[in-house]
Amino acid sequence: MAKRMQSRFDFKISATDGKARTGSIQMLRGEIRTPAFMPVGTAATVKAMRPAEVRATGADIILGNTYHLMLRPTAERMARLGGLHTFMGWDRPILTDSGGYQVMSLSSLRKITEDGVTFQSHLDGSRHMLSPERSMEIQRLLGSDIVMAFDECPANGVSREEAAKSMALSMRWAKRSRDGFDSGGEHAERAALFGIQQGSLDEKLQGKRRCAH
């Protein structure tokens, strides 16, 4: 018998085999079969494919990139154009990442504080501030269905002490992400906020994590 869990979306487990499982996430814009292949539409497009062609592959959801979209064309402009779904011509669910990974990849162009991350655009060198609250605002303006909590993504090979410090910061940011998401009005009622596993590659640290819901 399928198990059901209530959240901001409906999740159904249809079959299990050991720790493996299949199921589906039901959202207002449609069903996402899991496990899922999620094509990457970094800059609001899956390269070399039209939305109908992406759908024809069996994809139920597309990923959009918060960092790249906040820089170009900007989240505010995207909202004025009707949101990411309208801009892309994709009427099914979209997941947007938090921007944390891209900020990590700009290690020579950014500074991390408790407030968030100040960084230089890789496009024109302009300076920007990305915080948990701003990440939630951007993803709301984009109209994301699945919003990712803002986190610090530590580089591979960091010490356990550095990984623990990063995890603690990300958990504090997760709480701020949750508060920012919940204040998003109508968007918060129809979207879902996902937490991100932290602790780098340290299994003991990963076991201590607390995620947003």
C-alpha atoms as a PDB file:
ATOM      1  CA  MET A   1       0.000   0.000   0.000  1.00  0.00           C
ATOM      2  CA  ALA A   2       1.306   3.434  -0.881  1.00  0.00           C
ATOM      3  CA  LYS A   3       2.402   5.704   1.949  1.00  0.00           C
ATOM      4  CA  ARG A   4       1.330   9.340   1.911  1.00  0.00           C
ATOM      5  CA  MET A   5       2.925  12.360   3.583  1.00  0.00           C
ATOM      6  CA  GLN A   6       1.338  15.789   3.754  1.00  0.00           C
ATOM      7  CA  SER A   7       3.437  18.880   3.052  1.00  0.00           C
ATOM      8  CA  ARG A   8       3.238  21.917   0.767  1.00  0.00           C
ATOM      9  CA  PHE A   9       2.920  19.301  -1.961  1.00  0.00           C
ATOM     10  CA  ASP A  10       1.605  15.741  -2.000  1.00  0.00           C
ATOM     11  CA  PHE A  11       4.210  12.962  -2.095  1.00  0.00           C
ATOM     12  CA  LYS A  12       3.267   9.354  -2.769  1.00  0.00           C
ATOM     13  CA  ILE A  13       5.577   6.341  -2.481  1.00  0.00           C
ATOM     14  CA  SER A  14       4.449   3.724  -4.974  1.00  0.00           C
ATOM     15  CA  ALA A  15       7.060   0.982  -4.547  1.00  0.00           C
ATOM     16  CA  THR A  16      10.131   0.149  -2.470  1.00  0.00           C
ATOM     17  CA  ASP A  17      13.056  -2.261  -2.780  1.00  0.00           C
ATOM     18  CA  GLY A  18      15.397  -2.043   0.205  1.00  0.00           C
ATOM     19  CA  LYS A  19      16.362   1.617   0.498  1.00  0.00           C
ATOM     20  CA  ALA A  20      15.331   2.332  -3.096  1.00  0.00           C
ATOM     21  CA  ARG A  21      11.881   3.699  -3.839  1.00  0.00           C
ATOM     22  CA  THR A  22       9.742   5.093  -6.623  1.00  0.00           C
ATOM     23  CA  GLY A  23       6.994   7.608  -6.176  1.00  0.00           C
ATOM     24  CA  SER A  24       5.588  10.918  -7.306  1.00  0.00           C
ATOM     25  CA  ILE A  25       5.343  14.512  -6.149  1.00  0.00           C
ATOM     26  CA  GLN A  26       2.044  16.185  -6.984  1.00  0.00           C
ATOM     27  CA  MET A  27       2.215  19.953  -7.352  1.00  0.00           C
ATOM     28  CA  LEU A  28      -0.201  22.516  -8.766  1.00  0.00           C
ATOM     29  CA  ARG A  29       1.618  22.529 -12.104  1.00  0.00           C
ATOM     30  CA  GLY A  30       1.718  18.760 -12.408  1.00  0.00           C
ATOM     31  CA  GLU A  31       3.162  15.472 -11.241  1.00  0.00           C
ATOM     32  CA  ILE A  32       6.895  14.782 -10.883  1.00  0.00           C
ATOM     33  CA  ARG A  33       7.729  11.092 -11.065  1.00  0.00           C
ATOM     34  CA  THR A  34      10.632  10.066  -8.833  1.00  0.00           C
ATOM     35  CA  PRO A  35      13.445   9.296  -9.200  1.00  0.00           C
ATOM     36  CA  ALA A  36      13.508  12.025 -11.837  1.00  0.00           C
ATOM     37  CA  PHE A  37      15.789  13.175 -14.606  1.00  0.00           C
ATOM     38  CA  MET A  38      15.720  16.976 -14.384  1.00  0.00           C
ATOM     39  CA  PRO A  39      17.059  18.800 -17.468  1.00  0.00           C
ATOM     40  CA  VAL A  40      19.095  21.899 -16.664  1.00  0.00           C
ATOM     41  CA  GLY A  41      17.756  25.173 -18.020  1.00  0.00           C
ATOM     42  CA  THR A  42      20.470  27.371 -16.521  1.00  0.00           C
ATOM     43  CA  ALA A  43      19.582  30.624 -18.250  1.00  0.00           C
ATOM     44  CA  ALA A  44      15.853  29.917 -18.739  1.00  0.00           C
ATOM     45  CA  THR A  45      16.370  27.527 -21.619  1.00  0.00           C
ATOM     46  CA  VAL A  46      17.415  23.913 -22.156  1.00  0.00           C
ATOM     47  CA  LYS A  47      20.021  24.418 -24.830  1.00  0.00           C
ATOM     48  CA  ALA A  48      19.152  23.267 -28.359  1.00  0.00           C
ATOM     49  CA  MET A  49      15.675  22.042 -27.330  1.00  0.00           C
ATOM     50  CA  ARG A  50      12.178  23.524 -27.416  1.00  0.00           C
ATOM     51  CA  PRO A  51       9.924  23.022 -24.373  1.00  0.00           C
ATOM     52  CA  ALA A  52       7.758  20.507 -26.263  1.00  0.00           C
ATOM     53  CA  GLU A  53      10.849  18.518 -27.160  1.00  0.00           C
ATOM     54  CA  VAL A  54      11.991  18.520 -23.521  1.00  0.00           C
ATOM     55  CA  ARG A  55       8.566  17.264 -22.465  1.00  0.00           C
ATOM     56  CA  ALA A  56       8.674  14.582 -25.164  1.00  0.00           C
ATOM     57  CA  THR A  57      11.748  13.077 -23.489  1.00  0.00           C
ATOM     58  CA  GLY A  58       9.567  12.332 -20.455  1.00  0.00           C
ATOM     59  CA  ALA A  59      10.868  15.173 -18.284  1.00  0.00           C
ATOM     60  CA  ASP A  60       8.417  16.356 -15.618  1.00  0.00           C
ATOM     61  CA  ILE A  61      10.516  19.213 -14.200  1.00  0.00           C
ATOM     62  CA  ILE A  62      13.250  21.627 -15.306  1.00  0.00           C
ATOM     63  CA  LEU A  63      15.972  23.300 -13.224  1.00  0.00           C
ATOM     64  CA  GLY A  64      16.592  27.049 -13.409  1.00  0.00           C
ATOM     65  CA  ASN A  65      19.665  28.818 -12.040  1.00  0.00           C
ATOM     66  CA  THR A  66      19.143  31.587  -9.462  1.00  0.00           C
ATOM     67  CA  TYR A  67      22.646  33.040  -9.764  1.00  0.00           C
ATOM     68  CA  HIS A  68      22.640  33.381 -13.536  1.00  0.00           C
ATOM     69  CA  LEU A  69      19.042  34.636 -13.740  1.00  0.00           C
ATOM     70  CA  MET A  70      19.559  37.252 -11.014  1.00  0.00           C
ATOM     71  CA  LEU A  71      22.362  38.731 -13.110  1.00  0.00           C
ATOM     72  CA  ARG A  72      20.728  38.402 -16.511  1.00  0.00           C
ATOM     73  CA  PRO A  73      17.968  39.246 -17.287  1.00  0.00           C
ATOM     74  CA  THR A  74      17.417  39.858 -13.477  1.00  0.00           C
ATOM     75  CA  ALA A  75      14.641  38.400 -11.364  1.00  0.00           C
ATOM     76  CA  GLU A  76      12.709  41.666 -11.342  1.00  0.00           C
ATOM     77  CA  ARG A  77      12.637  41.813 -15.139  1.00  0.00           C
ATOM     78  CA  MET A  78      11.656  38.148 -15.282  1.00  0.00           C
ATOM     79  CA  ALA A  79       8.723  38.868 -12.963  1.00  0.00           C
ATOM     80  CA  ARG A  80       7.583  41.759 -15.168  1.00  0.00           C
ATOM     81  CA  LEU A  81       7.647  39.392 -18.139  1.00  0.00           C
ATOM     82  CA  GLY A  82       5.273  37.005 -16.357  1.00  0.00           C
ATOM     83  CA  GLY A  83       7.719  34.764 -14.513  1.00  0.00           C
ATOM     84  CA  LEU A  84      10.045  31.968 -15.504  1.00  0.00           C
ATOM     85  CA  HIS A  85       7.322  29.592 -16.714  1.00  0.00           C
ATOM     86  CA  THR A  86       5.908  32.142 -19.153  1.00  0.00           C
ATOM     87  CA  PHE A  87       9.372  33.237 -20.297  1.00  0.00           C
ATOM     88  CA  MET A  88      10.399  29.642 -21.002  1.00  0.00           C
ATOM     89  CA  GLY A  89       7.083  28.448 -22.392  1.00  0.00           C
ATOM     90  CA  TRP A  90       7.106  25.622 -19.825  1.00  0.00           C
ATOM     91  CA  ASP A  91       3.878  25.069 -17.872  1.00  0.00           C
ATOM     92  CA  ARG A  92       5.090  22.260 -15.631  1.00  0.00           C
ATOM     93  CA  PRO A  93       7.122  22.430 -12.361  1.00  0.00           C
ATOM     94  CA  ILE A  94      10.444  24.264 -12.179  1.00  0.00           C
ATOM     95  CA  LEU A  95      13.076  23.883  -9.454  1.00  0.00           C
ATOM     96  CA  THR A  96      15.481  26.751  -8.855  1.00  0.00           C
ATOM     97  CA  ASP A  97      18.752  26.310  -7.012  1.00  0.00           C
ATOM     98  CA  SER A  98      19.705  28.789  -4.302  1.00  0.00           C
ATOM     99  CA  GLY A  99      22.803  30.268  -5.941  1.00  0.00           C
ATOM    100  CA  GLY A 100      25.080  28.807  -3.282  1.00  0.00           C
ATOM    101  CA  TYR A 101      27.026  26.501  -5.572  1.00  0.00           C
ATOM    102  CA  GLN A 102      27.750  29.180  -8.160  1.00  0.00           C
ATOM    103  CA  VAL A 103      28.920  31.545  -5.431  1.00  0.00           C
ATOM    104  CA  MET A 104      31.282  28.804  -4.200  1.00  0.00           C
ATOM    105  CA  SER A 105      32.718  28.469  -7.696  1.00  0.00           C
ATOM    106  CA  LEU A 106      33.559  32.199  -7.635  1.00  0.00           C
ATOM    107  CA  SER A 107      35.908  31.808  -4.671  1.00  0.00           C
ATOM    108  CA  SER A 108      38.287  34.468  -5.977  1.00  0.00           C
ATOM    109  CA  LEU A 109      35.442  36.967  -6.476  1.00  0.00           C
ATOM    110  CA  ARG A 110      33.421  36.654  -3.254  1.00  0.00           C
ATOM    111  CA  LYS A 111      33.423  37.271   0.490  1.00  0.00           C
ATOM    112  CA  ILE A 112      31.301  35.262   2.935  1.00  0.00           C
ATOM    113  CA  THR A 113      29.933  36.770   6.151  1.00  0.00           C
ATOM    114  CA  GLU A 114      27.097  35.879   8.506  1.00  0.00           C
ATOM    115  CA  ASP A 115      24.820  38.151   6.483  1.00  0.00           C
ATOM    116  CA  GLY A 116      25.444  36.383   3.191  1.00  0.00           C
ATOM    117  CA  VAL A 117      27.837  36.498   0.265  1.00  0.00           C
ATOM    118  CA  THR A 118      29.170  39.589  -1.504  1.00  0.00           C
ATOM    119  CA  PHE A 119      30.521  38.773  -4.943  1.00  0.00           C
ATOM    120  CA  GLN A 120      31.502  40.205  -8.287  1.00  0.00           C
ATOM    121  CA  SER A 121      29.555  39.283 -11.380  1.00  0.00           C
ATOM    122  CA  HIS A 122      31.473  37.094 -13.791  1.00  0.00           C
ATOM    123  CA  LEU A 123      29.777  39.077 -16.568  1.00  0.00           C
ATOM    124  CA  ASP A 124      30.798  42.664 -15.873  1.00  0.00           C
ATOM    125  CA  GLY A 125      32.473  42.793 -12.468  1.00  0.00           C
ATOM    126  CA  SER A 126      29.512  44.516 -10.794  1.00  0.00           C
ATOM    127  CA  ARG A 127      29.100  43.804  -7.066  1.00  0.00           C
ATOM    128  CA  HIS A 128      26.109  41.981  -5.619  1.00  0.00           C
ATOM    129  CA  MET A 129      24.937  40.698  -2.244  1.00  0.00           C
ATOM    130  CA  LEU A 130      23.198  37.329  -2.019  1.00  0.00           C
ATOM    131  CA  SER A 131      21.683  36.465   1.349  1.00  0.00           C
ATOM    132  CA  PRO A 132      19.115  33.829   2.385  1.00  0.00           C
ATOM    133  CA  GLU A 133      16.402  36.475   2.211  1.00  0.00           C
ATOM    134  CA  ARG A 134      17.484  37.729  -1.216  1.00  0.00           C
ATOM    135  CA  SER A 135      17.724  34.169  -2.544  1.00  0.00           C
ATOM    136  CA  MET A 136      14.140  33.535  -1.433  1.00  0.00           C
ATOM    137  CA  GLU A 137      13.017  36.810  -3.011  1.00  0.00           C
ATOM    138  CA  ILE A 138      14.676  35.989  -6.326  1.00  0.00           C
ATOM    139  CA  GLN A 139      13.157  32.510  -6.456  1.00  0.00           C
ATOM    140  CA  ARG A 140       9.733  33.987  -5.611  1.00  0.00           C
ATOM    141  CA  LEU A 141      10.064  36.554  -8.412  1.00  0.00           C
ATOM    142  CA  LEU A 142      11.018  33.771 -10.812  1.00  0.00           C
ATOM    143  CA  GLY A 143       7.911  31.847  -9.746  1.00  0.00           C
ATOM    144  CA  SER A 144       9.755  28.666  -8.790  1.00  0.00           C
ATOM    145  CA  ASP A 145       7.714  25.627  -7.728  1.00  0.00           C
ATOM    146  CA  ILE A 146      10.530  24.015  -5.720  1.00  0.00           C
ATOM    147  CA  VAL A 147      12.730  26.551  -3.935  1.00  0.00           C
ATOM    148  CA  MET A 148      16.114  25.552  -2.528  1.00  0.00           C
ATOM    149  CA  ALA A 149      17.357  26.938   0.794  1.00  0.00           C
ATOM    150  CA  PHE A 150      20.414  29.203   0.532  1.00  0.00           C
ATOM    151  CA  ASP A 151      23.567  27.461   1.702  1.00  0.00           C
ATOM    152  CA  GLU A 152      27.321  27.672   1.694  1.00  0.00           C
ATOM    153  CA  CYS A 153      28.823  24.955  -0.459  1.00  0.00           C
ATOM    154  CA  PRO A 154      32.312  24.104   0.874  1.00  0.00           C
ATOM    155  CA  ALA A 155      34.995  23.067  -1.559  1.00  0.00           C
ATOM    156  CA  ASN A 156      35.932  19.408  -1.794  1.00  0.00           C
ATOM    157  CA  GLY A 157      38.748  18.391   0.543  1.00  0.00           C
ATOM    158  CA  VAL A 158      38.160  20.928   3.338  1.00  0.00           C
ATOM    159  CA  SER A 159      39.051  19.885   6.894  1.00  0.00           C
ATOM    160  CA  ARG A 160      36.417  18.511   9.264  1.00  0.00           C
ATOM    161  CA  GLU A 161      36.619  21.732  11.264  1.00  0.00           C
ATOM    162  CA  GLU A 162      35.969  23.822   8.152  1.00  0.00           C
ATOM    163  CA  ALA A 163      33.132  21.515   7.074  1.00  0.00           C
ATOM    164  CA  ALA A 164      31.529  21.759  10.532  1.00  0.00           C
ATOM    165  CA  LYS A 165      31.760  25.548  10.488  1.00  0.00           C
ATOM    166  CA  SER A 166      30.237  25.663   7.018  1.00  0.00           C
ATOM    167  CA  MET A 167      27.430  23.309   8.037  1.00  0.00           C
ATOM    168  CA  ALA A 168      26.555  25.439  11.075  1.00  0.00           C
ATOM    169  CA  LEU A 169      26.440  28.568   8.925  1.00  0.00           C
ATOM    170  CA  SER A 170      24.239  26.842   6.358  1.00  0.00           C
ATOM    171  CA  MET A 171      21.828  25.718   9.072  1.00  0.00           C
ATOM    172  CA  ARG A 172      21.522  29.276  10.344  1.00  0.00           C
ATOM    173  CA  TRP A 173      20.913  30.368   6.767  1.00  0.00           C
ATOM    174  CA  ALA A 174      18.333  27.585   6.399  1.00  0.00           C
ATOM    175  CA  LYS A 175      16.306  29.113   9.250  1.00  0.00           C
ATOM    176  CA  ARG A 176      16.481  32.527   7.584  1.00  0.00           C
ATOM    177  CA  SER A 177      15.548  30.927   4.264  1.00  0.00           C
ATOM    178  CA  ARG A 178      12.498  29.370   5.867  1.00  0.00           C
ATOM    179  CA  ASP A 179      11.448  32.684   7.398  1.00  0.00           C
ATOM    180  CA  GLY A 180      11.975  34.462   4.078  1.00  0.00           C
ATOM    181  CA  PHE A 181      10.075  31.796   2.176  1.00  0.00           C
ATOM    182  CA  ASP A 182       7.132  31.832   4.598  1.00  0.00           C
ATOM    183  CA  SER A 183       6.806  35.594   4.199  1.00  0.00           C
ATOM    184  CA  GLY A 184       6.365  35.182   0.442  1.00  0.00           C
ATOM    185  CA  GLY A 185       2.562  35.368   0.501  1.00  0.00           C
ATOM    186  CA  GLU A 186       0.733  33.476  -2.252  1.00  0.00           C
ATOM    187  CA  HIS A 187       3.964  31.983  -3.597  1.00  0.00           C
ATOM    188  CA  ALA A 188       4.634  30.279  -0.256  1.00  0.00           C
ATOM    189  CA  GLU A 189       1.194  28.668  -0.398  1.00  0.00           C
ATOM    190  CA  ARG A 190       1.746  26.947  -3.734  1.00  0.00           C
ATOM    191  CA  ALA A 191       5.499  26.308  -3.743  1.00  0.00           C
ATOM    192  CA  ALA A 192       7.756  24.085  -1.625  1.00  0.00           C
ATOM    193  CA  LEU A 193      11.033  24.854   0.148  1.00  0.00           C
ATOM    194  CA  PHE A 194      13.640  22.094   0.100  1.00  0.00           C
ATOM    195  CA  GLY A 195      16.573  21.873   2.490  1.00  0.00           C
ATOM    196  CA  ILE A 196      20.071  20.892   1.352  1.00  0.00           C
ATOM    197  CA  GLN A 197      22.186  18.195   2.977  1.00  0.00           C
ATOM    198  CA  GLN A 198      25.315  19.631   4.554  1.00  0.00           C
ATOM    199  CA  GLY A 199      28.501  18.333   6.144  1.00  0.00           C
ATOM    200  CA  SER A 200      30.637  17.999   3.022  1.00  0.00           C
ATOM    201  CA  LEU A 201      31.783  14.358   2.727  1.00  0.00           C
ATOM    202  CA  ASP A 202      31.839  13.763   6.497  1.00  0.00           C
ATOM    203  CA  GLU A 203      29.091  11.234   7.310  1.00  0.00           C
ATOM    204  CA  LYS A 204      29.086  12.125  11.014  1.00  0.00           C
ATOM    205  CA  LEU A 205      28.465  15.779  10.214  1.00  0.00           C
ATOM    206  CA  GLN A 206      25.799  14.843   7.683  1.00  0.00           C
ATOM    207  CA  GLY A 207      23.991  12.902  10.401  1.00  0.00           C
ATOM    208  CA  LYS A 208      23.764  16.039  12.555  1.00  0.00           C
ATOM    209  CA  ARG A 209      22.196  18.223   9.913  1.00  0.00           C
ATOM    210  CA  ARG A 210      18.821  19.896  10.228  1.00  0.00           C
ATOM    211  CA  CYS A 211      17.051  20.909   7.071  1.00  0.00           C
ATOM    212  CA  ALA A 212      14.298  23.391   6.221  1.00  0.00           C
ATOM    213  CA  HIS A 213      10.916  21.944   5.260  1.00  0.00           C
END
